C-alpha atoms as a PDB file:
ATOM      1  CA  UNK A   1       0.273   0.112  -0.044  1.00  0.00           C
ATOM      2  CA  UNK A   2       1.484   3.435  -1.377  1.00  0.00           C
ATOM      3  CA  UNK A   3       0.828   6.415   0.248  1.00  0.00           C
ATOM      4  CA  UNK A   4      -0.754   9.411  -1.512  1.00  0.00           C
ATOM      5  CA  UNK A   5       1.795  12.256  -2.018  1.00  0.00           C
ATOM      6  CA  UNK A   6      -0.611  14.351   0.001  1.00  0.00           C
ATOM      7  CA  UNK A   7      -2.086  11.852   2.790  1.00  0.00           C
ATOM      8  CA  UNK A   8      -1.197  12.314   6.447  1.00  0.00           C
ATOM      9  CA  UNK A   9       1.414   9.897   8.011  1.00  0.00           C
ATOM     10  CA  UNK A  10      -0.265   8.919  11.067  1.00  0.00           C
ATOM     11  CA  UNK A  11       1.468   7.876  14.357  1.00  0.00           C
ATOM     12  CA  UNK A  12      -1.308   7.886  16.624  1.00  0.00           C
ATOM     13  CA  UNK A  13      -2.032   4.139  16.917  1.00  0.00           C
ATOM     14  CA  UNK A  14       1.485   4.447  18.473  1.00  0.00           C
ATOM     15  CA  UNK A  15       0.236   6.994  20.857  1.00  0.00           C
ATOM     16  CA  UNK A  16       2.924   9.692  19.631  1.00  0.00           C
ATOM     17  CA  UNK A  17       1.946  13.247  19.917  1.00  0.00           C
ATOM     18  CA  UNK A  18       4.402  14.158  16.995  1.00  0.00           C
ATOM     19  CA  UNK A  19       3.791  16.629  14.588  1.00  0.00           C
ATOM     20  CA  UNK A  20       2.619  14.946  11.449  1.00  0.00           C
ATOM     21  CA  UNK A  21       4.328  15.831   8.044  1.00  0.00           C
ATOM     22  CA  UNK A  22       2.678  15.388   4.759  1.00  0.00           C
ATOM     23  CA  UNK A  23       4.582  12.971   2.646  1.00  0.00           C
ATOM     24  CA  UNK A  24       5.397  16.208   0.145  1.00  0.00           C
ATOM     25  CA  UNK A  25       7.224  17.792   3.451  1.00  0.00           C
ATOM     26  CA  UNK A  26       9.131  14.714   3.991  1.00  0.00           C
ATOM     27  CA  UNK A  27      10.366  14.416   0.536  1.00  0.00           C
ATOM     28  CA  UNK A  28      11.436  18.100   0.320  1.00  0.00           C
ATOM     29  CA  UNK A  29      13.387  17.782   3.363  1.00  0.00           C
ATOM     30  CA  UNK A  30      15.327  14.914   1.851  1.00  0.00           C
ATOM     31  CA  UNK A  31      15.947  16.791  -1.403  1.00  0.00           C
ATOM     32  CA  UNK A  32      17.075  19.673   0.636  1.00  0.00           C
ATOM     33  CA  UNK A  33      19.549  17.430   2.813  1.00  0.00           C
ATOM     34  CA  UNK A  34      20.850  15.450  -0.207  1.00  0.00           C
ATOM     35  CA  UNK A  35      21.705  19.251  -1.614  1.00  0.00           C
ATOM     36  CA  UNK A  36      23.444  20.055   1.375  1.00  0.00           C
ATOM     37  CA  UNK A  37      25.266  16.581   1.392  1.00  0.00           C
ATOM     38  CA  UNK A  38      26.545  17.154  -2.477  1.00  0.00           C
ATOM     39  CA  UNK A  39      28.025  20.572  -1.249  1.00  0.00           C
ATOM     40  CA  UNK A  40      29.564  19.200   1.450  1.00  0.00           C
ATOM     41  CA  UNK A  41      30.957  16.429  -0.620  1.00  0.00           C
ATOM     42  CA  UNK A  42      32.453  18.328  -3.191  1.00  0.00           C
ATOM     43  CA  UNK A  43      34.174  20.667  -0.900  1.00  0.00           C
ATOM     44  CA  UNK A  44      36.825  23.328  -1.816  1.00  0.00           C
ATOM     45  CA  UNK A  45      38.587  23.085  -4.823  1.00  0.00           C
ATOM     46  CA  UNK A  46      35.885  21.747  -6.885  1.00  0.00           C
ATOM     47  CA  UNK A  47      34.237  24.029  -9.825  1.00  0.00           C
ATOM     48  CA  UNK A  48      31.032  23.712  -7.835  1.00  0.00           C
ATOM     49  CA  UNK A  49      32.374  25.731  -4.675  1.00  0.00           C
ATOM     50  CA  UNK A  50      35.009  27.919  -6.260  1.00  0.00           C
ATOM     51  CA  UNK A  51      33.807  31.320  -4.446  1.00  0.00           C
ATOM     52  CA  UNK A  52      33.547  29.420  -1.147  1.00  0.00           C
ATOM     53  CA  UNK A  53      35.746  29.604   2.078  1.00  0.00           C
ATOM     54  CA  UNK A  54      38.381  27.470   1.887  1.00  0.00           C
ATOM     55  CA  UNK A  55      38.789  25.398   4.942  1.00  0.00           C
ATOM     56  CA  UNK A  56      42.306  25.762   6.998  1.00  0.00           C
ATOM     57  CA  UNK A  57      42.072  24.346  10.491  1.00  0.00           C
ATOM     58  CA  UNK A  58      39.899  23.964  13.751  1.00  0.00           C
ATOM     59  CA  UNK A  59      41.796  25.662  16.512  1.00  0.00           C
ATOM     60  CA  UNK A  60      40.757  26.987  19.947  1.00  0.00           C
ATOM     61  CA  UNK A  61      37.082  26.404  19.225  1.00  0.00           C
ATOM     62  CA  UNK A  62      37.149  28.337  16.234  1.00  0.00           C
ATOM     63  CA  UNK A  63      37.164  27.061  12.392  1.00  0.00           C
ATOM     64  CA  UNK A  64      39.676  28.885  10.360  1.00  0.00           C
ATOM     65  CA  UNK A  65      38.822  29.699   6.689  1.00  0.00           C
ATOM     66  CA  UNK A  66      40.581  31.620   3.624  1.00  0.00           C
ATOM     67  CA  UNK A  67      37.572  33.538   2.009  1.00  0.00           C
ATOM     68  CA  UNK A  68      38.435  35.397  -1.212  1.00  0.00           C
ATOM     69  CA  UNK A  69      38.142  39.298  -1.037  1.00  0.00           C
ATOM     70  CA  UNK A  70      37.499  41.815  -3.731  1.00  0.00           C
ATOM     71  CA  UNK A  71      40.023  45.142  -3.733  1.00  0.00           C
ATOM     72  CA  UNK A  72      42.592  46.140  -1.543  1.00  0.00           C
ATOM     73  CA  UNK A  73      43.284  44.013   1.562  1.00  0.00           C
ATOM     74  CA  UNK A  74      42.513  46.877   4.048  1.00  0.00           C
ATOM     75  CA  UNK A  75      41.392  45.907   7.941  1.00  0.00           C
ATOM     76  CA  UNK A  76      38.062  47.510   6.367  1.00  0.00           C
ATOM     77  CA  UNK A  77      37.826  45.154   3.483  1.00  0.00           C
ATOM     78  CA  UNK A  78      38.741  42.067   5.465  1.00  0.00           C
ATOM     79  CA  UNK A  79      36.460  42.886   8.063  1.00  0.00           C
ATOM     80  CA  UNK A  80      33.995  43.325   5.353  1.00  0.00           C
ATOM     81  CA  UNK A  81      34.603  40.242   3.637  1.00  0.00           C
ATOM     82  CA  UNK A  82      34.415  37.931   6.707  1.00  0.00           C
ATOM     83  CA  UNK A  83      31.085  39.724   7.936  1.00  0.00           C
ATOM     84  CA  UNK A  84      29.491  39.218   4.142  1.00  0.00           C
ATOM     85  CA  UNK A  85      30.118  35.236   4.902  1.00  0.00           C
ATOM     86  CA  UNK A  86      28.803  35.266   7.899  1.00  0.00           C
ATOM     87  CA  UNK A  87      31.960  34.815   9.879  1.00  0.00           C
ATOM     88  CA  UNK A  88      34.076  36.617  12.439  1.00  0.00           C
ATOM     89  CA  UNK A  89      37.562  37.565  11.815  1.00  0.00           C
ATOM     90  CA  UNK A  90      40.887  37.142  13.680  1.00  0.00           C
ATOM     91  CA  UNK A  91      43.075  40.296  14.777  1.00  0.00           C
ATOM     92  CA  UNK A  92      46.656  40.212  14.217  1.00  0.00           C
ATOM     93  CA  UNK A  93      46.821  39.379  18.152  1.00  0.00           C
ATOM     94  CA  UNK A  94      44.987  36.440  19.877  1.00  0.00           C
ATOM     95  CA  UNK A  95      43.227  38.691  21.966  1.00  0.00           C
ATOM     96  CA  UNK A  96      44.126  36.302  24.884  1.00  0.00           C
ATOM     97  CA  UNK A  97      45.617  38.631  27.158  1.00  0.00           C
ATOM     98  CA  UNK A  98      42.942  41.509  26.816  1.00  0.00           C
ATOM     99  CA  UNK A  99      43.114  44.455  24.534  1.00  0.00           C
ATOM    100  CA  UNK A 100      46.436  45.255  22.779  1.00  0.00           C
ATOM    101  CA  UNK A 101      47.727  47.364  20.217  1.00  0.00           C
ATOM    102  CA  UNK A 102      47.145  44.367  18.066  1.00  0.00           C
ATOM    103  CA  UNK A 103      43.824  43.334  18.914  1.00  0.00           C
ATOM    104  CA  UNK A 104      40.507  45.117  19.912  1.00  0.00           C
ATOM    105  CA  UNK A 105      36.971  44.439  20.295  1.00  0.00           C
ATOM    106  CA  UNK A 106      35.127  43.131  17.441  1.00  0.00           C
ATOM    107  CA  UNK A 107      38.088  40.652  16.722  1.00  0.00           C
ATOM    108  CA  UNK A 108      37.411  37.007  17.879  1.00  0.00           C
ATOM    109  CA  UNK A 109      39.414  35.700  20.796  1.00  0.00           C
ATOM    110  CA  UNK A 110      41.400  32.730  21.100  1.00  0.00           C
ATOM    111  CA  UNK A 111      43.395  30.780  23.565  1.00  0.00           C
ATOM    112  CA  UNK A 112      47.031  29.596  22.683  1.00  0.00           C
ATOM    113  CA  UNK A 113      49.835  28.298  24.955  1.00  0.00           C
ATOM    114  CA  UNK A 114      52.742  29.659  22.431  1.00  0.00           C
ATOM    115  CA  UNK A 115      55.251  32.289  23.231  1.00  0.00           C
ATOM    116  CA  UNK A 116      54.442  34.284  20.244  1.00  0.00           C
ATOM    117  CA  UNK A 117      50.750  36.305  19.600  1.00  0.00           C
ATOM    118  CA  UNK A 118      50.565  36.752  15.879  1.00  0.00           C
ATOM    119  CA  UNK A 119      47.946  34.832  14.373  1.00  0.00           C
ATOM    120  CA  UNK A 120      49.581  33.609  11.333  1.00  0.00           C
ATOM    121  CA  UNK A 121      52.420  32.537  13.454  1.00  0.00           C
ATOM    122  CA  UNK A 122      50.074  30.277  15.624  1.00  0.00           C
ATOM    123  CA  UNK A 123      48.145  28.714  12.356  1.00  0.00           C
ATOM    124  CA  UNK A 124      51.523  28.216  10.924  1.00  0.00           C
ATOM    125  CA  UNK A 125      52.669  25.900  13.610  1.00  0.00           C
ATOM    126  CA  UNK A 126      49.165  24.477  13.795  1.00  0.00           C
ATOM    127  CA  UNK A 127      49.073  23.620  10.033  1.00  0.00           C
ATOM    128  CA  UNK A 128      52.599  23.210   8.998  1.00  0.00           C
ATOM    129  CA  UNK A 129      54.390  22.679  12.435  1.00  0.00           C
ATOM    130  CA  UNK A 130      56.333  26.037  11.695  1.00  0.00           C
ATOM    131  CA  UNK A 131      56.716  29.309  13.784  1.00  0.00           C
ATOM    132  CA  UNK A 132      59.517  30.897  11.518  1.00  0.00           C
ATOM    133  CA  UNK A 133      58.559  33.296   8.761  1.00  0.00           C
ATOM    134  CA  UNK A 134      55.486  34.683  10.610  1.00  0.00           C
ATOM    135  CA  UNK A 135      53.513  32.120   8.604  1.00  0.00           C
ATOM    136  CA  UNK A 136      54.815  33.031   5.169  1.00  0.00           C
ATOM    137  CA  UNK A 137      56.447  29.343   5.374  1.00  0.00           C
ATOM    138  CA  UNK A 138      53.052  27.722   5.503  1.00  0.00           C
ATOM    139  CA  UNK A 139      51.649  27.377   2.129  1.00  0.00           C
ATOM    140  CA  UNK A 140      47.875  27.267   3.233  1.00  0.00           C
ATOM    141  CA  UNK A 141      48.468  30.520   4.723  1.00  0.00           C
ATOM    142  CA  UNK A 142      49.419  31.889   1.121  1.00  0.00           C
ATOM    143  CA  UNK A 143      48.164  35.191   0.196  1.00  0.00           C
ATOM    144  CA  UNK A 144      45.997  35.766   3.763  1.00  0.00           C
ATOM    145  CA  UNK A 145      45.385  38.794   5.297  1.00  0.00           C
ATOM    146  CA  UNK A 146      44.123  39.630   9.050  1.00  0.00           C
ATOM    147  CA  UNK A 147      42.651  42.663  10.572  1.00  0.00           C
ATOM    148  CA  UNK A 148      45.837  44.228  12.171  1.00  0.00           C
ATOM    149  CA  UNK A 149      44.829  47.435  14.133  1.00  0.00           C
ATOM    150  CA  UNK A 150      47.704  49.751  14.658  1.00  0.00           C
ATOM    151  CA  UNK A 151      50.267  47.986  12.399  1.00  0.00           C
ATOM    152  CA  UNK A 152      50.803  50.704   9.993  1.00  0.00           C
ATOM    153  CA  UNK A 153      49.727  54.188   9.395  1.00  0.00           C
ATOM    154  CA  UNK A 154      46.400  53.936   7.494  1.00  0.00           C
ATOM    155  CA  UNK A 155      44.052  50.678   7.074  1.00  0.00           C
ATOM    156  CA  UNK A 156      46.108  48.039   5.657  1.00  0.00           C
ATOM    157  CA  UNK A 157      45.733  44.300   6.756  1.00  0.00           C
ATOM    158  CA  UNK A 158      48.773  42.255   7.637  1.00  0.00           C
ATOM    159  CA  UNK A 159      49.470  39.479   5.424  1.00  0.00           C
ATOM    160  CA  UNK A 160      51.739  36.808   3.991  1.00  0.00           C
ATOM    161  CA  UNK A 161      53.026  35.393   0.737  1.00  0.00           C
ATOM    162  CA  UNK A 162      54.216  31.890   0.653  1.00  0.00           C
ATOM    163  CA  UNK A 163      55.942  32.193  -2.654  1.00  0.00           C
ATOM    164  CA  UNK A 164      58.265  35.213  -1.851  1.00  0.00           C
ATOM    165  CA  UNK A 165      58.436  33.920   2.003  1.00  0.00           C
ATOM    166  CA  UNK A 166      57.568  37.309   2.931  1.00  0.00           C
ATOM    167  CA  UNK A 167      55.701  38.757   5.818  1.00  0.00           C
ATOM    168  CA  UNK A 168      54.730  42.076   7.039  1.00  0.00           C
ATOM    169  CA  UNK A 169      52.787  42.564   3.672  1.00  0.00           C
ATOM    170  CA  UNK A 170      50.985  45.826   3.923  1.00  0.00           C
ATOM    171  CA  UNK A 171      47.491  44.999   2.522  1.00  0.00           C
ATOM    172  CA  UNK A 172      46.736  48.119   1.096  1.00  0.00           C
ATOM    173  CA  UNK A 173      49.310  47.466  -1.620  1.00  0.00           C
ATOM    174  CA  UNK A 174      47.630  43.989  -2.484  1.00  0.00           C
ATOM    175  CA  UNK A 175      44.471  43.313  -4.119  1.00  0.00           C
ATOM    176  CA  UNK A 176      42.005  40.310  -4.610  1.00  0.00           C
ATOM    177  CA  UNK A 177      43.595  38.358  -1.778  1.00  0.00           C
ATOM    178  CA  UNK A 178      42.041  36.064   1.358  1.00  0.00           C
ATOM    179  CA  UNK A 179      40.675  37.116   4.181  1.00  0.00           C
ATOM    180  CA  UNK A 180      41.327  35.118   7.308  1.00  0.00           C
ATOM    181  CA  UNK A 181      38.040  34.292   8.765  1.00  0.00           C
ATOM    182  CA  UNK A 182      36.471  32.482  11.605  1.00  0.00           C
ATOM    183  CA  UNK A 183      33.302  30.263  12.368  1.00  0.00           C
ATOM    184  CA  UNK A 184      32.436  29.313  16.167  1.00  0.00           C
ATOM    185  CA  UNK A 185      32.869  25.397  16.573  1.00  0.00           C
ATOM    186  CA  UNK A 186      30.458  23.664  17.203  1.00  0.00           C
ATOM    187  CA  UNK A 187      27.791  25.148  15.380  1.00  0.00           C
END
């Protein structure tokens, strides 16, 4: 016996006071789930998700991502890129010791036990086992920029380039690179 598309599923025989869904609702929910699963399975790097954030790592309760920005890599643009993606943003400093010249309210705070506080160095150690080069020797961090209050005059974010092994990049001189963004774990 097949159920009609609009026929209600009944659980009253079992004494369940559950919300009863129509079969068409169940089918719609199943297709939404399958579509979500397909997006997750294709992941970063596929042609299906080229503009999607690129997963980097899970660290200190935060999931770190690279998110493609458009325009100059300024603090304002890094912050806006993360917020438009529905994410938060780290500062150059971790904020674990409270406000500093390289961390301000609005940036996320994360804990670590390292003697250095540069977000790129912290992530470089997690991703690549390296602390030298201020993160510039860690390929996954290539062309990434963080919000960096008081790093330079103006609104430049702070970034690294893997190919030239360069840190201390002043973002206002670079365009269309990646913002370091975060999502809280667990969702």
